[in-house]
Protein backbone atom coordinates (compact mmCIF):
# COMPACT_ATOMS: atom_id res chain seq x y z
CA UNK A 1 0.00 0.00 0.00
CA UNK A 2 1.23 3.48 -0.89
CA UNK A 3 2.28 5.26 2.35
CA UNK A 4 0.65 8.50 1.18
CA UNK A 5 -2.76 6.85 0.85
CA UNK A 6 -2.36 4.73 3.99
CA UNK A 7 -5.13 5.75 6.45
CA UNK A 8 -2.90 4.99 9.45
CA UNK A 9 -0.18 7.34 8.16
CA UNK A 10 -2.83 10.03 7.58
CA UNK A 11 -4.15 9.60 11.12
CA UNK A 12 -0.65 9.82 12.60
CA UNK A 13 0.06 12.98 10.59
CA UNK A 14 -3.13 14.58 11.91
CA UNK A 15 -2.25 13.64 15.48
CA UNK A 16 1.19 15.21 15.03
CA UNK A 17 -0.35 18.34 13.55
CA UNK A 18 1.11 17.68 10.12
CA UNK A 19 -0.67 18.62 6.90
CA UNK A 20 0.18 19.40 3.29
CA UNK A 21 1.28 22.96 2.50
CA UNK A 22 2.70 24.80 -0.48
CA UNK A 23 5.79 26.85 0.35
CA UNK A 24 6.61 29.47 -2.27
CA UNK A 25 9.76 31.55 -1.94
CA UNK A 26 10.57 34.68 -3.90
CA UNK A 27 13.48 37.07 -3.59
CA UNK A 28 11.49 39.08 -1.01
CA UNK A 29 9.16 36.69 0.80
CA UNK A 30 8.18 33.17 1.67
CA UNK A 31 4.46 32.37 1.34
CA UNK A 32 2.58 29.39 2.74
CA UNK A 33 -0.68 28.15 1.22
CA UNK A 34 -2.80 25.42 2.75
CA UNK A 35 -3.54 23.19 4.38
CA UNK A 36 -4.56 20.81 1.61
CA UNK A 37 -6.14 17.39 1.88
CA UNK A 38 -3.26 15.71 0.02
CA UNK A 39 -0.21 16.31 -2.16
CA UNK A 40 -2.18 15.87 -5.39
CA UNK A 41 -4.55 18.71 -4.50
CA UNK A 42 -1.63 20.99 -3.59
CA UNK A 43 0.24 20.14 -6.81
CA UNK A 44 -2.89 20.85 -8.83
CA UNK A 45 -3.30 24.34 -7.28
CA UNK A 46 0.38 25.32 -7.02
CA UNK A 47 0.46 26.86 -10.50
CA UNK A 48 -2.38 29.26 -9.64
CA UNK A 49 -0.47 30.69 -6.68
CA UNK A 50 2.69 31.02 -8.76
CA UNK A 51 0.77 32.82 -11.53
CA UNK A 52 -0.70 35.28 -9.02
CA UNK A 53 2.73 36.08 -7.64
CA UNK A 54 4.12 36.53 -11.16
CA UNK A 55 1.31 39.00 -11.93
CA UNK A 56 2.34 40.93 -8.81
CA UNK A 57 5.93 41.11 -10.13
CA UNK A 58 7.57 38.49 -7.91
CA UNK A 59 10.98 37.29 -9.05
CA UNK A 60 12.99 34.09 -8.46
CA UNK A 61 9.95 31.98 -7.59
CA UNK A 62 10.48 28.49 -6.19
CA UNK A 63 7.66 26.26 -4.96
CA UNK A 64 7.59 23.12 -2.83
CA UNK A 65 4.75 20.91 -1.70
CA UNK A 66 5.51 19.42 1.69
CA UNK A 67 4.06 18.02 4.87
CA UNK A 68 4.65 20.26 7.83
CA UNK A 69 3.03 21.80 10.86
CA UNK A 70 1.05 24.98 10.28
CA UNK A 71 3.47 27.88 9.92
CA UNK A 72 3.37 30.64 12.51
CA UNK A 73 2.93 33.19 9.73
CA UNK A 74 1.59 32.67 6.22
CA UNK A 75 3.83 35.40 4.79
CA UNK A 76 7.43 35.87 5.90
CA UNK A 77 9.23 38.91 4.52
CA UNK A 78 12.98 39.34 4.37
CA UNK A 79 14.75 42.53 5.29
CA UNK A 80 17.36 43.93 2.88
CA UNK A 81 20.09 42.08 4.80
CA UNK A 82 18.40 38.78 3.96
CA UNK A 83 17.13 38.08 7.49
CA UNK A 84 13.55 36.94 7.92
CA UNK A 85 11.06 39.01 9.82
């Protein structure tokens, strides 16, 4: 059985507070979108978020779909020195 579709793995992820998120980084910010029900749903929607950021003029866009706990902030901006705030 595929571990992603295994109900026991899904239950354990929920108990640990894990869910599927899209993490998109640009030269200025990191954005988190989610949570999604599974990786396939996130992959299907990822392009829409990238297109929106491109329309807003974002540069150097990289996107990952990953399981993680809910981020503390959905948008993390970087200061000119490169530090996150």
